[in-house]
All heavy atoms as atom14 arrays in JSON, in Angstrom:
{
  "sequence": "LRESLSAFVDKTQETVTGDVKLKLYKGNMINAGVTSPYSLYSEDFAT",
  "atom14_mask": [
    [1, 1, 1, 1, 1, 1, 1, 1, 0, 0, 0, 0, 0, 0],
    [1, 1, 1, 1, 1, 1, 1, 1, 1, 1, 1, 0, 0, 0],
    [1, 1, 1, 1, 1, 1, 1, 1, 1, 0, 0, 0, 0, 0],
    [1, 1, 1, 1, 1, 1, 0, 0, 0, 0, 0, 0, 0, 0],
    [1, 1, 1, 1, 1, 1, 1, 1, 0, 0, 0, 0, 0, 0],
    [1, 1, 1, 1, 1, 1, 0, 0, 0, 0, 0, 0, 0, 0],
    [1, 1, 1, 1, 1, 0, 0, 0, 0, 0, 0, 0, 0, 0],
    [1, 1, 1, 1, 1, 1, 1, 1, 1, 1, 1, 0, 0, 0],
    [1, 1, 1, 1, 1, 1, 1, 0, 0, 0, 0, 0, 0, 0],
    [1, 1, 1, 1, 1, 1, 1, 1, 0, 0, 0, 0, 0, 0],
    [1, 1, 1, 1, 1, 1, 1, 1, 1, 0, 0, 0, 0, 0],
    [1, 1, 1, 1, 1, 1, 1, 0, 0, 0, 0, 0, 0, 0],
    [1, 1, 1, 1, 1, 1, 1, 1, 1, 0, 0, 0, 0, 0],
    [1, 1, 1, 1, 1, 1, 1, 1, 1, 0, 0, 0, 0, 0],
    [1, 1, 1, 1, 1, 1, 1, 0, 0, 0, 0, 0, 0, 0],
    [1, 1, 1, 1, 1, 1, 1, 0, 0, 0, 0, 0, 0, 0],
    [1, 1, 1, 1, 1, 1, 1, 0, 0, 0, 0, 0, 0, 0],
    [1, 1, 1, 1, 0, 0, 0, 0, 0, 0, 0, 0, 0, 0],
    [1, 1, 1, 1, 1, 1, 1, 1, 0, 0, 0, 0, 0, 0],
    [1, 1, 1, 1, 1, 1, 1, 0, 0, 0, 0, 0, 0, 0],
    [1, 1, 1, 1, 1, 1, 1, 1, 1, 0, 0, 0, 0, 0],
    [1, 1, 1, 1, 1, 1, 1, 1, 0, 0, 0, 0, 0, 0],
    [1, 1, 1, 1, 1, 1, 1, 1, 1, 0, 0, 0, 0, 0],
    [1, 1, 1, 1, 1, 1, 1, 1, 0, 0, 0, 0, 0, 0],
    [1, 1, 1, 1, 1, 1, 1, 1, 1, 1, 1, 1, 0, 0],
    [1, 1, 1, 1, 1, 1, 1, 1, 1, 0, 0, 0, 0, 0],
    [1, 1, 1, 1, 0, 0, 0, 0, 0, 0, 0, 0, 0, 0],
    [1, 1, 1, 1, 1, 1, 1, 1, 0, 0, 0, 0, 0, 0],
    [1, 1, 1, 1, 1, 1, 1, 1, 0, 0, 0, 0, 0, 0],
    [1, 1, 1, 1, 1, 1, 1, 1, 0, 0, 0, 0, 0, 0],
    [1, 1, 1, 1, 1, 1, 1, 1, 0, 0, 0, 0, 0, 0],
    [1, 1, 1, 1, 1, 0, 0, 0, 0, 0, 0, 0, 0, 0],
    [1, 1, 1, 1, 0, 0, 0, 0, 0, 0, 0, 0, 0, 0],
    [1, 1, 1, 1, 1, 1, 1, 0, 0, 0, 0, 0, 0, 0],
    [1, 1, 1, 1, 1, 1, 1, 0, 0, 0, 0, 0, 0, 0],
    [1, 1, 1, 1, 1, 1, 0, 0, 0, 0, 0, 0, 0, 0],
    [1, 1, 1, 1, 1, 1, 1, 0, 0, 0, 0, 0, 0, 0],
    [1, 1, 1, 1, 1, 1, 1, 1, 1, 1, 1, 1, 0, 0],
    [1, 1, 1, 1, 1, 1, 0, 0, 0, 0, 0, 0, 0, 0],
    [1, 1, 1, 1, 1, 1, 1, 1, 0, 0, 0, 0, 0, 0],
    [1, 1, 1, 1, 1, 1, 1, 1, 1, 1, 1, 1, 0, 0],
    [1, 1, 1, 1, 1, 1, 0, 0, 0, 0, 0, 0, 0, 0],
    [1, 1, 1, 1, 1, 1, 1, 1, 1, 0, 0, 0, 0, 0],
    [1, 1, 1, 1, 1, 1, 1, 1, 0, 0, 0, 0, 0, 0],
    [1, 1, 1, 1, 1, 1, 1, 1, 1, 1, 1, 0, 0, 0],
    [1, 1, 1, 1, 1, 0, 0, 0, 0, 0, 0, 0, 0, 0],
    [1, 1, 1, 1, 1, 1, 1, 0, 0, 0, 0, 0, 0, 0]
  ],
  "atom14_positions": [
    [[67.32, 37.99, 124.9], [67.7, 37.96, 123.6], [68.28, 36.6, 123.09], [68.09, 36.12, 122.01], [68.47, 39.21, 123.19], [68.92, 39.4, 121.7], [67.72, 39.26, 120.76], [69.66, 40.67, 121.46], [0.0, 0.0, 0.0], [0.0, 0.0, 0.0], [0.0, 0.0, 0.0], [0.0, 0.0, 0.0], [0.0, 0.0, 0.0], [0.0, 0.0, 0.0]],
    [[69.42, 36.32, 123.84], [70.2, 35.07, 123.57], [69.15, 34.03, 123.39], [69.29, 33.16, 122.55], [71.25, 34.93, 124.54], [72.44, 33.89, 123.96], [72.03, 32.53, 124.02], [71.65, 32.06, 125.29], [70.98, 30.97, 125.54], [70.62, 30.04, 124.56], [70.71, 30.68, 126.89], [0.0, 0.0, 0.0], [0.0, 0.0, 0.0], [0.0, 0.0, 0.0]],
    [[68.31, 33.86, 124.43], [67.4, 32.6, 124.49], [66.41, 32.68, 123.24], [66.09, 31.74, 122.58], [66.59, 32.69, 125.8], [67.56, 32.41, 126.97], [66.74, 32.65, 128.37], [65.5, 33.09, 128.23], [67.25, 32.31, 129.44], [0.0, 0.0, 0.0], [0.0, 0.0, 0.0], [0.0, 0.0, 0.0], [0.0, 0.0, 0.0], [0.0, 0.0, 0.0]],
    [[66.14, 33.91, 122.9], [65.03, 34.23, 121.69], [65.77, 33.74, 120.31], [65.2, 33.04, 119.55], [64.56, 35.56, 121.66], [63.83, 35.83, 122.73], [0.0, 0.0, 0.0], [0.0, 0.0, 0.0], [0.0, 0.0, 0.0], [0.0, 0.0, 0.0], [0.0, 0.0, 0.0], [0.0, 0.0, 0.0], [0.0, 0.0, 0.0], [0.0, 0.0, 0.0]],
    [[67.06, 34.19, 120.29], [67.76, 33.87, 119.13], [68.02, 32.32, 119.03], [67.98, 31.75, 117.96], [69.2, 34.59, 119.12], [69.16, 36.14, 118.93], [70.56, 36.58, 118.84], [68.31, 36.42, 117.75], [0.0, 0.0, 0.0], [0.0, 0.0, 0.0], [0.0, 0.0, 0.0], [0.0, 0.0, 0.0], [0.0, 0.0, 0.0], [0.0, 0.0, 0.0]],
    [[68.29, 31.66, 120.23], [68.54, 30.21, 120.11], [67.23, 29.54, 119.67], [67.24, 28.44, 119.14], [68.8, 29.73, 121.51], [70.14, 29.88, 121.76], [0.0, 0.0, 0.0], [0.0, 0.0, 0.0], [0.0, 0.0, 0.0], [0.0, 0.0, 0.0], [0.0, 0.0, 0.0], [0.0, 0.0, 0.0], [0.0, 0.0, 0.0], [0.0, 0.0, 0.0]],
    [[66.02, 30.1, 120.1], [64.7, 29.53, 119.68], [64.58, 29.62, 118.03], [64.21, 28.58, 117.45], [63.55, 30.21, 120.32], [0.0, 0.0, 0.0], [0.0, 0.0, 0.0], [0.0, 0.0, 0.0], [0.0, 0.0, 0.0], [0.0, 0.0, 0.0], [0.0, 0.0, 0.0], [0.0, 0.0, 0.0], [0.0, 0.0, 0.0], [0.0, 0.0, 0.0]],
    [[64.98, 30.69, 117.55], [64.99, 30.81, 116.02], [66.01, 29.88, 115.52], [65.58, 29.09, 114.43], [65.38, 32.33, 115.73], [65.75, 32.5, 114.31], [64.83, 32.5, 113.25], [67.16, 32.51, 113.92], [65.23, 32.76, 111.98], [67.47, 32.63, 112.62], [66.56, 32.78, 111.56], [0.0, 0.0, 0.0], [0.0, 0.0, 0.0], [0.0, 0.0, 0.0]],
    [[67.27, 29.78, 115.94], [68.16, 28.88, 115.48], [67.69, 27.45, 115.49], [67.75, 26.73, 114.51], [69.48, 29.02, 116.22], [70.45, 27.83, 115.87], [70.2, 30.36, 115.97], [0.0, 0.0, 0.0], [0.0, 0.0, 0.0], [0.0, 0.0, 0.0], [0.0, 0.0, 0.0], [0.0, 0.0, 0.0], [0.0, 0.0, 0.0], [0.0, 0.0, 0.0]],
    [[67.02, 27.02, 116.58], [66.6, 25.64, 116.64], [65.65, 25.36, 115.61], [65.58, 24.33, 115.04], [65.96, 25.43, 118.11], [67.03, 25.17, 119.07], [68.19, 24.98, 118.86], [66.71, 25.37, 120.3], [0.0, 0.0, 0.0], [0.0, 0.0, 0.0], [0.0, 0.0, 0.0], [0.0, 0.0, 0.0], [0.0, 0.0, 0.0], [0.0, 0.0, 0.0]],
    [[64.73, 26.24, 115.2], [63.74, 26.11, 114.18], [64.48, 25.89, 112.87], [64.07, 25.01, 112.04], [62.88, 27.28, 114.14], [61.7, 27.28, 113.0], [60.87, 26.11, 113.25], [59.75, 26.1, 112.08], [58.78, 24.88, 112.25], [0.0, 0.0, 0.0], [0.0, 0.0, 0.0], [0.0, 0.0, 0.0], [0.0, 0.0, 0.0], [0.0, 0.0, 0.0]],
    [[65.56, 26.63, 112.58], [66.26, 26.57, 111.35], [66.92, 25.19, 111.3], [67.25, 24.7, 110.13], [67.33, 27.68, 111.22], [68.36, 27.46, 112.14], [66.66, 29.02, 111.4], [0.0, 0.0, 0.0], [0.0, 0.0, 0.0], [0.0, 0.0, 0.0], [0.0, 0.0, 0.0], [0.0, 0.0, 0.0], [0.0, 0.0, 0.0], [0.0, 0.0, 0.0]],
    [[67.21, 24.58, 112.41], [68.02, 23.27, 112.39], [67.28, 22.08, 112.22], [67.78, 20.96, 112.13], [68.84, 23.27, 113.64], [69.9, 24.27, 113.88], [70.82, 24.49, 112.83], [71.85, 23.72, 112.74], [70.65, 25.5, 111.92], [0.0, 0.0, 0.0], [0.0, 0.0, 0.0], [0.0, 0.0, 0.0], [0.0, 0.0, 0.0], [0.0, 0.0, 0.0]],
    [[65.92, 22.13, 112.1], [65.05, 20.93, 111.91], [65.42, 20.17, 110.79], [65.16, 18.83, 110.77], [63.61, 21.38, 111.78], [63.05, 21.96, 113.11], [61.64, 22.34, 113.01], [61.07, 22.36, 111.97], [60.99, 22.76, 114.09], [0.0, 0.0, 0.0], [0.0, 0.0, 0.0], [0.0, 0.0, 0.0], [0.0, 0.0, 0.0], [0.0, 0.0, 0.0]],
    [[66.05, 20.74, 109.64], [66.39, 19.99, 108.5], [67.94, 19.85, 108.34], [68.3, 19.28, 107.23], [65.72, 20.64, 107.17], [66.28, 21.95, 107.06], [64.31, 20.7, 107.27], [0.0, 0.0, 0.0], [0.0, 0.0, 0.0], [0.0, 0.0, 0.0], [0.0, 0.0, 0.0], [0.0, 0.0, 0.0], [0.0, 0.0, 0.0], [0.0, 0.0, 0.0]],
    [[68.73, 20.36, 109.32], [70.17, 20.27, 109.07], [70.66, 19.0, 109.58], [71.25, 18.78, 110.66], [70.8, 21.44, 109.88], [72.32, 21.53, 109.57], [70.26, 22.84, 109.34], [0.0, 0.0, 0.0], [0.0, 0.0, 0.0], [0.0, 0.0, 0.0], [0.0, 0.0, 0.0], [0.0, 0.0, 0.0], [0.0, 0.0, 0.0], [0.0, 0.0, 0.0]],
    [[70.28, 17.94, 108.74], [70.72, 16.62, 109.1], [71.38, 15.92, 107.8], [70.85, 16.08, 106.71], [69.48, 15.74, 109.4], [68.87, 16.17, 110.62], [69.79, 14.24, 109.58], [0.0, 0.0, 0.0], [0.0, 0.0, 0.0], [0.0, 0.0, 0.0], [0.0, 0.0, 0.0], [0.0, 0.0, 0.0], [0.0, 0.0, 0.0], [0.0, 0.0, 0.0]],
    [[72.51, 15.26, 108.01], [73.15, 14.62, 106.97], [74.62, 14.52, 107.22], [75.14, 14.38, 108.45], [0.0, 0.0, 0.0], [0.0, 0.0, 0.0], [0.0, 0.0, 0.0], [0.0, 0.0, 0.0], [0.0, 0.0, 0.0], [0.0, 0.0, 0.0], [0.0, 0.0, 0.0], [0.0, 0.0, 0.0], [0.0, 0.0, 0.0], [0.0, 0.0, 0.0]],
    [[75.38, 14.16, 106.35], [76.83, 13.75, 106.33], [77.6, 14.86, 105.55], [77.47, 15.05, 104.34], [77.01, 12.39, 105.86], [76.32, 11.26, 106.7], [76.89, 11.01, 107.84], [75.26, 10.93, 106.29], [0.0, 0.0, 0.0], [0.0, 0.0, 0.0], [0.0, 0.0, 0.0], [0.0, 0.0, 0.0], [0.0, 0.0, 0.0], [0.0, 0.0, 0.0]],
    [[78.67, 15.15, 106.2], [79.73, 16.03, 105.49], [80.99, 15.4, 105.52], [81.62, 14.97, 106.69], [79.82, 17.34, 106.19], [80.8, 18.34, 105.49], [78.46, 18.09, 106.17], [0.0, 0.0, 0.0], [0.0, 0.0, 0.0], [0.0, 0.0, 0.0], [0.0, 0.0, 0.0], [0.0, 0.0, 0.0], [0.0, 0.0, 0.0], [0.0, 0.0, 0.0]],
    [[81.74, 15.2, 104.36], [82.98, 14.62, 104.37], [84.07, 15.78, 104.06], [83.86, 16.65, 103.21], [83.01, 13.63, 103.1], [84.45, 12.88, 102.99], [84.26, 11.74, 101.9], [85.56, 10.94, 101.84], [85.39, 9.82, 100.77], [0.0, 0.0, 0.0], [0.0, 0.0, 0.0], [0.0, 0.0, 0.0], [0.0, 0.0, 0.0], [0.0, 0.0, 0.0]],
    [[85.06, 15.78, 104.89], [86.18, 16.67, 104.77], [87.42, 16.08, 104.59], [87.7, 15.0, 105.15], [86.27, 17.61, 106.02], [85.09, 18.52, 106.3], [85.23, 19.22, 107.62], [84.73, 19.5, 105.09], [0.0, 0.0, 0.0], [0.0, 0.0, 0.0], [0.0, 0.0, 0.0], [0.0, 0.0, 0.0], [0.0, 0.0, 0.0], [0.0, 0.0, 0.0]],
    [[88.4, 16.77, 103.87], [89.83, 16.22, 103.61], [90.69, 17.25, 104.49], [90.67, 18.38, 104.13], [90.18, 16.2, 102.12], [91.71, 15.8, 101.99], [91.92, 15.5, 100.55], [91.93, 16.68, 99.65], [92.36, 16.44, 98.27], [0.0, 0.0, 0.0], [0.0, 0.0, 0.0], [0.0, 0.0, 0.0], [0.0, 0.0, 0.0], [0.0, 0.0, 0.0]],
    [[91.39, 16.6, 105.46], [92.23, 17.53, 106.27], [93.72, 17.3, 105.83], [94.18, 16.2, 105.72], [92.1, 17.04, 107.76], [90.75, 16.91, 108.5], [90.9, 16.38, 109.79], [90.02, 18.14, 108.26], [0.0, 0.0, 0.0], [0.0, 0.0, 0.0], [0.0, 0.0, 0.0], [0.0, 0.0, 0.0], [0.0, 0.0, 0.0], [0.0, 0.0, 0.0]],
    [[94.25, 18.49, 105.58], [95.64, 18.37, 105.0], [96.49, 19.63, 105.27], [96.12, 20.72, 104.86], [95.54, 18.11, 103.48], [96.98, 18.0, 102.7], [97.64, 17.02, 103.12], [97.43, 19.07, 101.93], [99.02, 16.79, 102.41], [98.63, 18.84, 101.24], [99.52, 17.76, 101.61], [100.68, 17.63, 101.03], [0.0, 0.0, 0.0], [0.0, 0.0, 0.0]],
    [[97.29, 19.5, 106.15], [98.3, 20.53, 106.5], [97.58, 21.81, 106.82], [97.9, 22.94, 106.21], [99.3, 20.72, 105.35], [100.36, 19.54, 105.27], [101.48, 19.85, 104.25], [102.44, 18.68, 104.19], [103.19, 18.45, 105.51], [0.0, 0.0, 0.0], [0.0, 0.0, 0.0], [0.0, 0.0, 0.0], [0.0, 0.0, 0.0], [0.0, 0.0, 0.0]],
    [[96.77, 21.77, 107.72], [96.05, 22.98, 108.21], [94.78, 23.33, 107.42], [94.1, 24.31, 107.81], [0.0, 0.0, 0.0], [0.0, 0.0, 0.0], [0.0, 0.0, 0.0], [0.0, 0.0, 0.0], [0.0, 0.0, 0.0], [0.0, 0.0, 0.0], [0.0, 0.0, 0.0], [0.0, 0.0, 0.0], [0.0, 0.0, 0.0], [0.0, 0.0, 0.0]],
    [[94.47, 22.67, 106.32], [93.38, 22.93, 105.54], [92.3, 22.0, 105.69], [92.51, 20.79, 106.04], [93.85, 22.95, 104.03], [94.84, 24.1, 103.66], [94.56, 25.25, 103.69], [96.02, 23.64, 103.35], [0.0, 0.0, 0.0], [0.0, 0.0, 0.0], [0.0, 0.0, 0.0], [0.0, 0.0, 0.0], [0.0, 0.0, 0.0], [0.0, 0.0, 0.0]],
    [[91.06, 22.48, 105.48], [89.9, 21.63, 105.52], [89.22, 21.84, 104.14], [88.66, 22.83, 103.85], [88.95, 22.06, 106.64], [89.48, 21.87, 108.02], [88.43, 22.58, 109.24], [88.52, 24.38, 108.93], [0.0, 0.0, 0.0], [0.0, 0.0, 0.0], [0.0, 0.0, 0.0], [0.0, 0.0, 0.0], [0.0, 0.0, 0.0], [0.0, 0.0, 0.0]],
    [[89.22, 20.73, 103.3], [88.78, 20.69, 101.95], [87.49, 19.91, 101.86], [87.39, 18.8, 102.33], [89.75, 20.26, 101.05], [91.12, 20.96, 101.27], [89.33, 20.22, 99.61], [92.36, 20.29, 100.55], [0.0, 0.0, 0.0], [0.0, 0.0, 0.0], [0.0, 0.0, 0.0], [0.0, 0.0, 0.0], [0.0, 0.0, 0.0], [0.0, 0.0, 0.0]],
    [[86.44, 20.64, 101.24], [85.19, 19.86, 101.0], [85.33, 18.54, 100.15], [86.05, 18.67, 99.12], [84.17, 20.75, 100.33], [83.77, 21.88, 101.07], [84.21, 22.0, 102.35], [82.89, 22.85, 100.55], [0.0, 0.0, 0.0], [0.0, 0.0, 0.0], [0.0, 0.0, 0.0], [0.0, 0.0, 0.0], [0.0, 0.0, 0.0], [0.0, 0.0, 0.0]],
    [[84.75, 17.49, 100.64], [84.92, 16.29, 99.91], [83.61, 15.48, 99.65], [83.59, 14.36, 99.39], [85.94, 15.27, 100.71], [0.0, 0.0, 0.0], [0.0, 0.0, 0.0], [0.0, 0.0, 0.0], [0.0, 0.0, 0.0], [0.0, 0.0, 0.0], [0.0, 0.0, 0.0], [0.0, 0.0, 0.0], [0.0, 0.0, 0.0], [0.0, 0.0, 0.0]],
    [[82.52, 16.32, 99.98], [81.2, 15.7, 99.73], [80.23, 16.03, 100.72], [80.55, 16.14, 101.95], [0.0, 0.0, 0.0], [0.0, 0.0, 0.0], [0.0, 0.0, 0.0], [0.0, 0.0, 0.0], [0.0, 0.0, 0.0], [0.0, 0.0, 0.0], [0.0, 0.0, 0.0], [0.0, 0.0, 0.0], [0.0, 0.0, 0.0], [0.0, 0.0, 0.0]],
    [[78.96, 16.16, 100.28], [77.85, 16.42, 101.37], [76.56, 15.82, 100.95], [76.22, 15.88, 99.78], [77.76, 18.01, 101.73], [77.47, 18.67, 100.37], [76.69, 18.19, 102.82], [0.0, 0.0, 0.0], [0.0, 0.0, 0.0], [0.0, 0.0, 0.0], [0.0, 0.0, 0.0], [0.0, 0.0, 0.0], [0.0, 0.0, 0.0], [0.0, 0.0, 0.0]],
    [[75.88, 15.15, 101.78], [74.6, 14.58, 101.46], [73.6, 14.87, 102.56], [74.0, 15.07, 103.8], [74.63, 13.1, 101.28], [75.12, 12.4, 102.44], [75.54, 12.72, 100.12], [0.0, 0.0, 0.0], [0.0, 0.0, 0.0], [0.0, 0.0, 0.0], [0.0, 0.0, 0.0], [0.0, 0.0, 0.0], [0.0, 0.0, 0.0], [0.0, 0.0, 0.0]],
    [[72.23, 14.88, 102.36], [71.32, 15.09, 103.35], [70.0, 14.59, 102.71], [69.59, 14.83, 101.64], [71.18, 16.6, 103.76], [69.93, 16.81, 104.62], [0.0, 0.0, 0.0], [0.0, 0.0, 0.0], [0.0, 0.0, 0.0], [0.0, 0.0, 0.0], [0.0, 0.0, 0.0], [0.0, 0.0, 0.0], [0.0, 0.0, 0.0], [0.0, 0.0, 0.0]],
    [[69.11, 13.96, 103.58], [67.76, 13.61, 103.19], [66.92, 14.8, 102.99], [65.8, 14.78, 102.42], [67.26, 12.71, 104.25], [68.06, 13.07, 105.47], [69.42, 13.43, 104.87], [0.0, 0.0, 0.0], [0.0, 0.0, 0.0], [0.0, 0.0, 0.0], [0.0, 0.0, 0.0], [0.0, 0.0, 0.0], [0.0, 0.0, 0.0], [0.0, 0.0, 0.0]],
    [[67.37, 15.95, 103.47], [66.57, 17.21, 103.31], [67.24, 18.24, 102.32], [66.89, 19.4, 102.42], [66.46, 17.84, 104.81], [65.71, 17.07, 105.7], [66.48, 16.46, 106.66], [64.34, 16.92, 105.77], [65.93, 15.6, 107.59], [63.61, 16.14, 106.7], [64.45, 15.46, 107.56], [63.79, 14.65, 108.57], [0.0, 0.0, 0.0], [0.0, 0.0, 0.0]],
    [[67.99, 17.67, 101.48], [68.78, 18.49, 100.57], [67.87, 19.31, 99.7], [66.84, 18.76, 99.12], [69.72, 17.78, 99.7], [70.28, 18.58, 98.78], [0.0, 0.0, 0.0], [0.0, 0.0, 0.0], [0.0, 0.0, 0.0], [0.0, 0.0, 0.0], [0.0, 0.0, 0.0], [0.0, 0.0, 0.0], [0.0, 0.0, 0.0], [0.0, 0.0, 0.0]],
    [[68.1, 20.64, 99.51], [67.35, 21.47, 98.54], [67.95, 21.59, 97.22], [67.59, 22.36, 96.26], [67.2, 22.8, 99.15], [66.33, 22.97, 100.49], [66.33, 24.31, 101.07], [64.94, 22.38, 100.35], [0.0, 0.0, 0.0], [0.0, 0.0, 0.0], [0.0, 0.0, 0.0], [0.0, 0.0, 0.0], [0.0, 0.0, 0.0], [0.0, 0.0, 0.0]],
    [[69.17, 20.85, 97.09], [69.91, 20.97, 95.84], [69.29, 19.98, 94.79], [69.12, 18.77, 95.09], [71.32, 20.58, 95.98], [72.22, 20.65, 94.83], [72.7, 21.78, 94.29], [72.44, 19.48, 94.08], [73.4, 21.87, 93.13], [73.1, 19.51, 92.78], [73.68, 20.71, 92.37], [74.35, 20.76, 91.17], [0.0, 0.0, 0.0], [0.0, 0.0, 0.0]],
    [[68.98, 20.37, 93.66], [68.4, 19.53, 92.62], [69.34, 19.6, 91.3], [69.47, 20.66, 90.72], [67.03, 19.94, 92.11], [66.58, 19.24, 90.98], [0.0, 0.0, 0.0], [0.0, 0.0, 0.0], [0.0, 0.0, 0.0], [0.0, 0.0, 0.0], [0.0, 0.0, 0.0], [0.0, 0.0, 0.0], [0.0, 0.0, 0.0], [0.0, 0.0, 0.0]],
    [[69.92, 18.47, 90.99], [70.81, 18.32, 89.89], [70.02, 18.58, 88.67], [70.55, 19.18, 87.61], [71.53, 16.94, 89.8], [72.52, 16.91, 88.65], [73.16, 15.61, 88.75], [73.12, 14.94, 89.84], [74.07, 15.29, 87.79], [0.0, 0.0, 0.0], [0.0, 0.0, 0.0], [0.0, 0.0, 0.0], [0.0, 0.0, 0.0], [0.0, 0.0, 0.0]],
    [[68.62, 18.2, 88.64], [67.96, 18.4, 87.45], [67.69, 19.85, 87.14], [67.69, 20.29, 86.03], [66.48, 17.72, 87.73], [66.5, 16.2, 87.61], [67.53, 15.7, 87.07], [65.57, 15.62, 88.28], [0.0, 0.0, 0.0], [0.0, 0.0, 0.0], [0.0, 0.0, 0.0], [0.0, 0.0, 0.0], [0.0, 0.0, 0.0], [0.0, 0.0, 0.0]],
    [[67.53, 20.62, 88.19], [67.45, 22.12, 87.95], [68.74, 22.91, 87.8], [68.82, 23.78, 86.92], [66.64, 22.77, 89.09], [65.24, 22.64, 89.01], [64.51, 21.54, 89.71], [64.33, 23.55, 88.44], [63.17, 21.5, 89.72], [62.99, 23.52, 88.46], [62.42, 22.37, 89.03], [0.0, 0.0, 0.0], [0.0, 0.0, 0.0], [0.0, 0.0, 0.0]],
    [[69.69, 22.42, 88.41], [71.13, 23.18, 88.45], [71.87, 22.71, 87.2], [72.83, 23.46, 86.86], [71.84, 22.9, 89.64], [0.0, 0.0, 0.0], [0.0, 0.0, 0.0], [0.0, 0.0, 0.0], [0.0, 0.0, 0.0], [0.0, 0.0, 0.0], [0.0, 0.0, 0.0], [0.0, 0.0, 0.0], [0.0, 0.0, 0.0], [0.0, 0.0, 0.0]],
    [[71.66, 21.59, 86.49], [72.56, 21.14, 85.5], [72.79, 22.07, 84.39], [71.87, 22.9, 83.94], [72.08, 19.83, 84.95], [73.03, 19.35, 83.96], [70.75, 20.04, 84.36], [0.0, 0.0, 0.0], [0.0, 0.0, 0.0], [0.0, 0.0, 0.0], [0.0, 0.0, 0.0], [0.0, 0.0, 0.0], [0.0, 0.0, 0.0], [0.0, 0.0, 0.0]]
  ]
}
């Protein structure tokens, strides 16, 4: 089962490529930007 779940996970990770910027401050991790060539986010649609 663990091996099978890993196979599923690996398939999901084919597009998980990109850069994540975080701000570290006194125990907190704050989002500071994310980009990916495989991004499904469209500003044109979401605006």
